[in-house]
C-alpha atoms as a PDB file:
ATOM      1  CA  MET A   1     -42.615   6.033  24.599  1.00  0.00           C
ATOM      2  CA  LYS A   2     -43.873   7.641  27.793  1.00  0.00           C
ATOM      3  CA  LEU A   3     -46.261  10.510  26.405  1.00  0.00           C
ATOM      4  CA  LEU A   4     -46.290  13.205  29.251  1.00  0.00           C
ATOM      5  CA  ILE A   5     -48.972  16.135  29.093  1.00  0.00           C
ATOM      6  CA  GLY A   6     -47.489  19.486  29.467  1.00  0.00           C
ATOM      7  CA  THR A   7     -48.177  23.040  28.045  1.00  0.00           C
ATOM      8  CA  PRO A   8     -48.002  23.619  24.327  1.00  0.00           C
ATOM      9  CA  PRO A   9     -44.042  23.522  22.652  1.00  0.00           C
ATOM     10  CA  PHE A  10     -43.078  26.140  20.037  1.00  0.00           C
ATOM     11  CA  ARG A  11     -43.748  24.033  17.836  1.00  0.00           C
ATOM     12  CA  PRO A  12     -39.647  23.615  15.505  1.00  0.00           C
ATOM     13  CA  PRO A  13     -40.910  20.663  13.634  1.00  0.00           C
ATOM     14  CA  ALA A  14     -42.849  23.360  11.396  1.00  0.00           C
ATOM     15  CA  ARG A  15     -40.304  25.429  11.377  1.00  0.00           C
ATOM     16  CA  LYS A  16     -38.019  22.644   9.933  1.00  0.00           C
ATOM     17  CA  LEU A  17     -40.637  21.571   7.991  1.00  0.00           C
ATOM     18  CA  ALA A  18     -41.117  25.048   5.836  1.00  0.00           C
ATOM     19  CA  ALA A  19     -37.894  24.913   5.536  1.00  0.00           C
ATOM     20  CA  GLU A  20     -37.055  21.852   3.862  1.00  0.00           C
ATOM     21  CA  HIS A  21     -40.154  21.986   1.758  1.00  0.00           C
ATOM     22  CA  ASP A  22     -38.928  25.838   0.441  1.00  0.00           C
ATOM     23  CA  ALA A  23     -36.031  25.137  -0.354  1.00  0.00           C
ATOM     24  CA  PRO A  24     -35.117  26.293  -3.631  1.00  0.00           C
ATOM     25  CA  ALA A  25     -33.573  23.696  -6.555  1.00  0.00           C
ATOM     26  CA  PRO A  26     -29.715  23.383  -7.877  1.00  0.00           C
ATOM     27  CA  TRP A  27     -30.105  25.465 -11.117  1.00  0.00           C
ATOM     28  CA  ASN A  28     -28.365  24.125 -14.088  1.00  0.00           C
ATOM     29  CA  PRO A  29     -27.381  26.224 -17.384  1.00  0.00           C
ATOM     30  CA  PRO A  30     -30.739  25.920 -19.858  1.00  0.00           C
ATOM     31  CA  HIS A  31     -28.980  25.230 -23.652  1.00  0.00           C
ATOM     32  CA  CYS A  32     -31.885  26.414 -25.646  1.00  0.00           C
ATOM     33  CA  THR A  33     -34.636  28.441 -26.617  1.00  0.00           C
ATOM     34  CA  SER A  34     -37.274  26.080 -25.602  1.00  0.00           C
ATOM     35  CA  ASP A  35     -35.448  25.588 -21.858  1.00  0.00           C
ATOM     36  CA  ILE A  36     -35.520  28.857 -21.279  1.00  0.00           C
ATOM     37  CA  ARG A  37     -38.941  29.352 -21.153  1.00  0.00           C
ATOM     38  CA  SER A  38     -39.733  26.366 -19.167  1.00  0.00           C
ATOM     39  CA  ARG A  39     -36.982  27.030 -17.173  1.00  0.00           C
ATOM     40  CA  ILE A  40     -38.311  30.548 -15.677  1.00  0.00           C
ATOM     41  CA  THR A  41     -41.568  29.466 -16.137  1.00  0.00           C
ATOM     42  CA  ASP A  42     -40.930  26.752 -13.494  1.00  0.00           C
ATOM     43  CA  LEU A  43     -38.915  29.466 -11.931  1.00  0.00           C
ATOM     44  CA  ALA A  44     -42.510  31.939 -11.589  1.00  0.00           C
ATOM     45  CA  THR A  45     -44.201  29.470 -10.772  1.00  0.00           C
ATOM     46  CA  SER A  46     -41.901  27.941  -7.757  1.00  0.00           C
ATOM     47  CA  ALA A  47     -41.737  31.468  -6.405  1.00  0.00           C
ATOM     48  CA  LEU A  48     -45.856  32.408  -6.690  1.00  0.00           C
ATOM     49  CA  GLU A  49     -45.331  29.567  -4.433  1.00  0.00           C
ATOM     50  CA  ARG A  50     -42.770  30.513  -1.937  1.00  0.00           C
ATOM     51  CA  MET A  51     -45.519  32.748  -1.510  1.00  0.00           C
ATOM     52  CA  GLU A  52     -48.064  31.071  -0.614  1.00  0.00           C
ATOM     53  CA  ASN A  53     -46.372  28.821   1.983  1.00  0.00           C
ATOM     54  CA  PRO A  54     -45.670  30.621   4.566  1.00  0.00           C
ATOM     55  CA  THR A  55     -49.205  31.114   5.178  1.00  0.00           C
ATOM     56  CA  LYS A  56     -49.404  27.736   4.592  1.00  0.00           C
ATOM     57  CA  TRP A  57     -47.524  26.508   7.939  1.00  0.00           C
ATOM     58  CA  PHE A  58     -49.242  29.425  10.023  1.00  0.00           C
ATOM     59  CA  ILE A  59     -52.482  28.432   9.475  1.00  0.00           C
ATOM     60  CA  ALA A  60     -51.405  24.709   9.196  1.00  0.00           C
ATOM     61  CA  THR A  61     -52.811  22.655  12.273  1.00  0.00           C
ATOM     62  CA  GLU A  62     -50.659  19.704  14.705  1.00  0.00           C
ATOM     63  CA  PHE A  63     -52.568  17.096  12.541  1.00  0.00           C
ATOM     64  CA  GLU A  64     -52.026  18.610   8.919  1.00  0.00           C
ATOM     65  CA  LEU A  65     -48.128  19.016   9.925  1.00  0.00           C
ATOM     66  CA  VAL A  66     -47.487  16.133  11.217  1.00  0.00           C
ATOM     67  CA  GLN A  67     -48.213  14.109   7.546  1.00  0.00           C
ATOM     68  CA  TYR A  68     -46.538  16.134   5.448  1.00  0.00           C
ATOM     69  CA  ARG A  69     -44.196  13.916   4.733  1.00  0.00           C
ATOM     70  CA  TRP A  70     -46.064  10.741   5.142  1.00  0.00           C
ATOM     71  CA  PRO A  71     -46.609  10.491   1.193  1.00  0.00           C
ATOM     72  CA  ARG A  72     -43.219   9.509   0.803  1.00  0.00           C
ATOM     73  CA  GLY A  73     -43.850   6.145   3.257  1.00  0.00           C
ATOM     74  CA  ILE A  74     -46.737   5.328   2.025  1.00  0.00           C
ATOM     75  CA  VAL A  75     -45.378   5.340  -1.750  1.00  0.00           C
ATOM     76  CA  LYS A  76     -42.157   3.162  -0.704  1.00  0.00           C
ATOM     77  CA  ILE A  77     -45.404   0.678   0.828  1.00  0.00           C
ATOM     78  CA  ASP A  78     -47.278   0.738  -1.949  1.00  0.00           C
ATOM     79  CA  GLU A  79     -43.597   0.166  -3.856  1.00  0.00           C
ATOM     80  CA  LEU A  80     -43.069  -3.016  -1.529  1.00  0.00           C
ATOM     81  CA  LEU A  81     -46.390  -4.203  -2.168  1.00  0.00           C
ATOM     82  CA  GLU A  82     -46.721  -4.030  -5.867  1.00  0.00           C
ATOM     83  CA  LYS A  83     -43.137  -6.409  -4.850  1.00  0.00           C
ATOM     84  CA  VAL A  84     -44.867  -9.405  -2.697  1.00  0.00           C
ATOM     85  CA  SER A  85     -47.792  -8.754  -5.307  1.00  0.00           C
ATOM     86  CA  ALA A  86     -45.981  -9.658  -8.266  1.00  0.00           C
ATOM     87  CA  VAL A  87     -44.230 -12.917  -6.640  1.00  0.00           C
ATOM     88  CA  ILE A  88     -47.047 -13.759  -5.899  1.00  0.00           C
ATOM     89  CA  ASP A  89     -48.967 -13.940  -8.867  1.00  0.00           C
ATOM     90  CA  PRO A  90     -46.174 -13.082 -11.550  1.00  0.00           C
ATOM     91  CA  THR A  91     -47.139 -11.793 -15.569  1.00  0.00           C
ATOM     92  CA  LYS A  92     -46.965 -14.799 -18.318  1.00  0.00           C
ATOM     93  CA  GLU A  93     -43.298 -13.227 -18.836  1.00  0.00           C
ATOM     94  CA  ASP A  94     -41.941 -13.759 -14.881  1.00  0.00           C
ATOM     95  CA  ARG A  95     -43.504 -17.122 -14.265  1.00  0.00           C
ATOM     96  CA  ALA A  96     -40.726 -19.511 -15.841  1.00  0.00           C
ATOM     97  CA  MET A  97     -38.513 -16.955 -13.344  1.00  0.00           C
ATOM     98  CA  SER A  98     -40.317 -17.539 -10.442  1.00  0.00           C
ATOM     99  CA  LYS A  99     -40.353 -19.425  -7.381  1.00  0.00           C
ATOM    100  CA  PRO A 100     -41.379 -22.574  -7.733  1.00  0.00           C
ATOM    101  CA  GLN A 101     -44.476 -23.550  -5.688  1.00  0.00           C
ATOM    102  CA  ASN A 102     -43.822 -25.583  -3.833  1.00  0.00           C
ATOM    103  CA  ASP A 103     -40.929 -23.868  -2.340  1.00  0.00           C
ATOM    104  CA  PRO A 104     -41.817 -23.109   1.443  1.00  0.00           C
ATOM    105  CA  LEU A 105     -41.020 -19.389   1.362  1.00  0.00           C
ATOM    106  CA  VAL A 106     -43.300 -18.407  -0.833  1.00  0.00           C
ATOM    107  CA  PRO A 107     -46.295 -18.495   1.927  1.00  0.00           C
ATOM    108  CA  TRP A 108     -44.776 -15.887   3.793  1.00  0.00           C
ATOM    109  CA  GLU A 109     -44.382 -13.003   1.357  1.00  0.00           C
ATOM    110  CA  HIS A 110     -48.834 -14.265   1.348  1.00  0.00           C
ATOM    111  CA  LEU A 111     -48.956 -13.034   4.987  1.00  0.00           C
ATOM    112  CA  PHE A 112     -47.621 -10.205   4.021  1.00  0.00           C
ATOM    113  CA  ILE A 113     -50.051  -8.592   2.550  1.00  0.00           C
ATOM    114  CA  PRO A 114     -52.202  -7.989   5.011  1.00  0.00           C
ATOM    115  CA  ILE A 115     -49.072  -6.568   7.209  1.00  0.00           C
ATOM    116  CA  LEU A 116     -48.736  -3.978   4.168  1.00  0.00           C
ATOM    117  CA  LYS A 117     -52.455  -3.299   3.237  1.00  0.00           C
ATOM    118  CA  LEU A 118     -52.549  -2.335   7.257  1.00  0.00           C
ATOM    119  CA  SER A 119     -50.347  -0.374   6.598  1.00  0.00           C
ATOM    120  CA  ARG A 120     -51.007   1.249   4.323  1.00  0.00           C
ATOM    121  CA  LEU A 121     -54.975   2.020   5.856  1.00  0.00           C
ATOM    122  CA  PHE A 122     -53.316   3.335   8.470  1.00  0.00           C
ATOM    123  CA  PHE A 123     -51.332   6.866   7.314  1.00  0.00           C
ATOM    124  CA  LYS A 124     -54.252   7.467   4.531  1.00  0.00           C
ATOM    125  CA  LYS A 125     -57.143   7.078   7.279  1.00  0.00           C
ATOM    126  CA  LEU A 126     -55.826   9.687   9.029  1.00  0.00           C
ATOM    127  CA  SER A 127     -55.396  11.712   5.973  1.00  0.00           C
ATOM    128  CA  ASN A 128     -58.366  10.983   4.687  1.00  0.00           C
ATOM    129  CA  LEU A 129     -59.844  12.664   7.943  1.00  0.00           C
ATOM    130  CA  GLY A 130     -56.863  16.126   8.343  1.00  0.00           C
ATOM    131  CA  MET A 131     -58.356  17.054   5.258  1.00  0.00           C
ATOM    132  CA  ASN A 132     -61.997  17.149   5.943  1.00  0.00           C
ATOM    133  CA  MET A 133     -61.315  18.372  10.118  1.00  0.00           C
ATOM    134  CA  ASN A 134     -60.750  21.929   9.355  1.00  0.00           C
ATOM    135  CA  THR A 135     -62.076  23.030  12.601  1.00  0.00           C
ATOM    136  CA  LEU A 136     -59.605  21.528  14.415  1.00  0.00           C
ATOM    137  CA  ALA A 137     -57.169  23.597  17.606  1.00  0.00           C
ATOM    138  CA  PRO A 138     -53.761  24.042  15.842  1.00  0.00           C
ATOM    139  CA  PHE A 139     -51.635  22.938  18.398  1.00  0.00           C
ATOM    140  CA  THR A 140     -52.027  20.895  20.615  1.00  0.00           C
ATOM    141  CA  GLU A 141     -50.015  19.033  24.573  1.00  0.00           C
ATOM    142  CA  MET A 142     -47.190  16.880  22.203  1.00  0.00           C
ATOM    143  CA  ARG A 143     -43.958  17.811  22.846  1.00  0.00           C
ATOM    144  CA  SER A 144     -41.673  18.291  20.109  1.00  0.00           C
ATOM    145  CA  ASP A 145     -40.707  14.622  19.997  1.00  0.00           C
ATOM    146  CA  GLN A 146     -43.638  13.537  19.573  1.00  0.00           C
ATOM    147  CA  LEU A 147     -44.230  16.103  16.685  1.00  0.00           C
ATOM    148  CA  GLU A 148     -40.640  14.421  15.149  1.00  0.00           C
ATOM    149  CA  TYR A 149     -41.730  10.752  16.037  1.00  0.00           C
ATOM    150  CA  LEU A 150     -45.656  11.116  13.677  1.00  0.00           C
ATOM    151  CA  VAL A 151     -43.881  13.399  11.373  1.00  0.00           C
ATOM    152  CA  GLU A 152     -41.387  10.183  10.531  1.00  0.00           C
ATOM    153  CA  LEU A 153     -43.504   7.777  11.864  1.00  0.00           C
ATOM    154  CA  ALA A 154     -44.358   6.582   7.574  1.00  0.00           C
ATOM    155  CA  GLU A 155     -41.204   6.498   6.377  1.00  0.00           C
ATOM    156  CA  ARG A 156     -39.359   4.138   9.370  1.00  0.00           C
ATOM    157  CA  VAL A 157     -42.622   2.197   9.201  1.00  0.00           C
ATOM    158  CA  ALA A 158     -41.864   0.780   5.288  1.00  0.00           C
ATOM    159  CA  GLN A 159     -37.992   0.667   6.073  1.00  0.00           C
ATOM    160  CA  LYS A 160     -39.161  -1.351   9.203  1.00  0.00           C
ATOM    161  CA  ILE A 161     -41.562  -3.299   7.210  1.00  0.00           C
ATOM    162  CA  LYS A 162     -38.749  -3.335   4.403  1.00  0.00           C
ATOM    163  CA  TYR A 163     -36.709  -4.937   6.792  1.00  0.00           C
ATOM    164  CA  PHE A 164     -38.452  -7.472   8.207  1.00  0.00           C
ATOM    165  CA  TYR A 165     -39.303  -8.612   4.082  1.00  0.00           C
ATOM    166  CA  ALA A 166     -35.632  -9.530   3.390  1.00  0.00           C
ATOM    167  CA  VAL A 167     -36.127 -11.006   7.227  1.00  0.00           C
ATOM    168  CA  VAL A 168     -38.545 -13.330   6.428  1.00  0.00           C
ATOM    169  CA  VAL A 169     -38.057 -13.827   2.322  1.00  0.00           C
ATOM    170  CA  PRO A 170     -34.761 -13.870   2.304  1.00  0.00           C
ATOM    171  CA  SER A 171     -32.564 -12.880  -1.096  1.00  0.00           C
ATOM    172  CA  ASP A 172     -31.867 -15.593  -4.377  1.00  0.00           C
ATOM    173  CA  ASN A 173     -28.807 -15.624  -3.361  1.00  0.00           C
ATOM    174  CA  ASP A 174     -29.160 -16.201   1.005  1.00  0.00           C
ATOM    175  CA  THR A 175     -28.835 -19.660   1.040  1.00  0.00           C
ATOM    176  CA  GLY A 176     -30.234 -19.784   4.869  1.00  0.00           C
ATOM    177  CA  SER A 177     -32.745 -20.408   6.681  1.00  0.00           C
ATOM    178  CA  PRO A 178     -34.449 -17.621   7.814  1.00  0.00           C
ATOM    179  CA  ASP A 179     -32.861 -16.420  12.056  1.00  0.00           C
ATOM    180  CA  SER A 180     -36.521 -17.332  14.234  1.00  0.00           C
ATOM    181  CA  GLN A 181     -34.972 -14.784  16.343  1.00  0.00           C
ATOM    182  CA  GLU A 182     -34.596 -12.072  14.329  1.00  0.00           C
ATOM    183  CA  ILE A 183     -37.691 -12.556  12.230  1.00  0.00           C
ATOM    184  CA  ILE A 184     -39.086 -12.543  16.185  1.00  0.00           C
ATOM    185  CA  SER A 185     -38.102  -9.052  16.761  1.00  0.00           C
ATOM    186  CA  ALA A 186     -38.238  -7.553  13.551  1.00  0.00           C
ATOM    187  CA  ALA A 187     -42.161  -8.346  14.123  1.00  0.00           C
ATOM    188  CA  ARG A 188     -42.263  -7.030  17.038  1.00  0.00           C
ATOM    189  CA  ASP A 189     -40.615  -3.783  16.722  1.00  0.00           C
ATOM    190  CA  LEU A 190     -42.796  -3.335  13.775  1.00  0.00           C
ATOM    191  CA  GLU A 191     -46.134  -3.856  15.848  1.00  0.00           C
ATOM    192  CA  GLU A 192     -44.400  -1.512  18.905  1.00  0.00           C
ATOM    193  CA  HIS A 193     -43.766   1.292  16.217  1.00  0.00           C
ATOM    194  CA  PHE A 194     -47.289   1.694  15.788  1.00  0.00           C
ATOM    195  CA  GLN A 195     -48.525   1.787  19.597  1.00  0.00           C
ATOM    196  CA  PRO A 196     -46.690   5.038  20.041  1.00  0.00           C
ATOM    197  CA  ALA A 197     -48.139   6.715  17.475  1.00  0.00           C
ATOM    198  CA  VAL A 198     -51.424   5.107  17.717  1.00  0.00           C
ATOM    199  CA  LEU A 199     -51.641   6.916  22.279  1.00  0.00           C
ATOM    200  CA  CYS A 200     -49.989   9.967  20.799  1.00  0.00           C
ATOM    201  CA  ILE A 201     -52.858  10.435  18.798  1.00  0.00           C
ATOM    202  CA  LEU A 202     -56.398   8.463  20.594  1.00  0.00           C
ATOM    203  CA  LEU A 203     -54.250  11.044  23.301  1.00  0.00           C
ATOM    204  CA  TYR A 204     -53.771  14.150  21.809  1.00  0.00           C
ATOM    205  CA  PHE A 205     -55.389  14.311  18.460  1.00  0.00           C
ATOM    206  CA  LEU A 206     -58.987  12.628  18.571  1.00  0.00           C
ATOM    207  CA  PRO A 207     -60.538  15.012  21.881  1.00  0.00           C
ATOM    208  CA  LEU A 208     -59.288  18.013  19.249  1.00  0.00           C
ATOM    209  CA  ILE A 209     -61.998  16.517  16.770  1.00  0.00           C
ATOM    210  CA  PRO A 210     -66.060  17.952  17.132  1.00  0.00           C
ATOM    211  CA  ASP A 211     -68.725  14.791  17.190  1.00  0.00           C
ATOM    212  CA  THR A 212     -71.481  15.974  14.747  1.00  0.00           C
ATOM    213  CA  ASP A 213     -75.801  16.146  14.719  1.00  0.00           C
ATOM    214  CA  HIS A 214     -75.713  12.679  12.926  1.00  0.00           C
ATOM    215  CA  LEU A 215     -72.474  11.097  14.316  1.00  0.00           C
ATOM    216  CA  PRO A 216     -70.299  10.245  17.095  1.00  0.00           C
ATOM    217  CA  VAL A 217     -67.021  11.374  15.580  1.00  0.00           C
ATOM    218  CA  GLN A 218     -64.734  10.622  18.430  1.00  0.00           C
ATOM    219  CA  SER A 219     -66.818   6.864  19.681  1.00  0.00           C
ATOM    220  CA  HIS A 220     -65.984   5.531  16.561  1.00  0.00           C
ATOM    221  CA  LEU A 221     -63.179   6.270  14.644  1.00  0.00           C
ATOM    222  CA  ARG A 222     -62.419   5.215  17.985  1.00  0.00           C
ATOM    223  CA  ALA A 223     -63.695   2.451  17.700  1.00  0.00           C
ATOM    224  CA  TRP A 224     -62.362   2.044  13.901  1.00  0.00           C
ATOM    225  CA  PHE A 225     -58.027   1.886  16.024  1.00  0.00           C
ATOM    226  CA  ILE A 226     -59.578  -0.165  18.412  1.00  0.00           C
ATOM    227  CA  THR A 227     -60.436  -1.937  15.449  1.00  0.00           C
ATOM    228  CA  TRP A 228     -56.972  -1.567  12.785  1.00  0.00           C
ATOM    229  CA  SER A 229     -54.909  -2.841  16.093  1.00  0.00           C
ATOM    230  CA  THR A 230     -56.448  -6.256  17.002  1.00  0.00           C
ATOM    231  CA  HIS A 231     -56.289  -7.032  13.032  1.00  0.00           C
ATOM    232  CA  PHE A 232     -52.626  -5.862  12.492  1.00  0.00           C
ATOM    233  CA  HIS A 233     -51.545  -7.891  15.967  1.00  0.00           C
ATOM    234  CA  TRP A 234     -53.808 -10.574  13.676  1.00  0.00           C
ATOM    235  CA  ALA A 235     -51.727  -9.995  10.967  1.00  0.00           C
ATOM    236  CA  MET A 236     -48.683 -10.084  12.499  1.00  0.00           C
ATOM    237  CA  GLY A 237     -49.576 -13.045  14.202  1.00  0.00           C
ATOM    238  CA  PRO A 238     -47.850 -15.872  12.603  1.00  0.00           C
ATOM    239  CA  PHE A 239     -44.258 -14.648  12.997  1.00  0.00           C
ATOM    240  CA  LEU A 240     -44.596 -14.335  16.228  1.00  0.00           C
ATOM    241  CA  HIS A 241     -45.741 -17.453  17.627  1.00  0.00           C
ATOM    242  CA  LEU A 242     -45.350 -19.756  14.759  1.00  0.00           C
ATOM    243  CA  TYR A 243     -41.775 -18.943  14.631  1.00  0.00           C
ATOM    244  CA  ALA A 244     -41.658 -18.714  18.638  1.00  0.00           C
END
């Protein structure tokens, strides 16, 4: 992605996300008194939330807004991590149905654990950072397409990891061997998908974070992202180099 510095955008993603968040749920007729009471409580709570949400959306920073949909992607990454962990270390009941230890695909499943954990760490690190940064400027010089890219990042990463895993570790019904070029392509696609996000954060968000007297926050975070990128590249290495 080409990053350009320009005039701060109008922020259409914020309006789009606010509309999505405030859309009312469909109503189904209740069938008993307890259902009616429960529904009234839900409607009252929902009404109060909608009264508060416009203020939240207007005072939220772009750093907070781009993270609105990240929990969905993090949940999907967690689910895949649980799935891979269960294959590597199945319960006693599942052990009889698991793959034999001499299965050549088992080592590749082990190598997915660092990829999943590093991906999850990326989003949780930024989410925790946003919770502790109440003094960030509300606007950046990012374009709308860059903001949208960050909004969708966690879900897209989860989809790409899921596809990557399916390519490397085929289903039991698939008797063919993994395609090396498809594996390399999926690995590169996943790694390269993080790169524009890291650049956007370093160029647009990081300079807005104030340093403190006791900790140079910007230097610390810059070093953290460099270390994270290095470790993620190492985690992808076996798939990129051994199959190549």
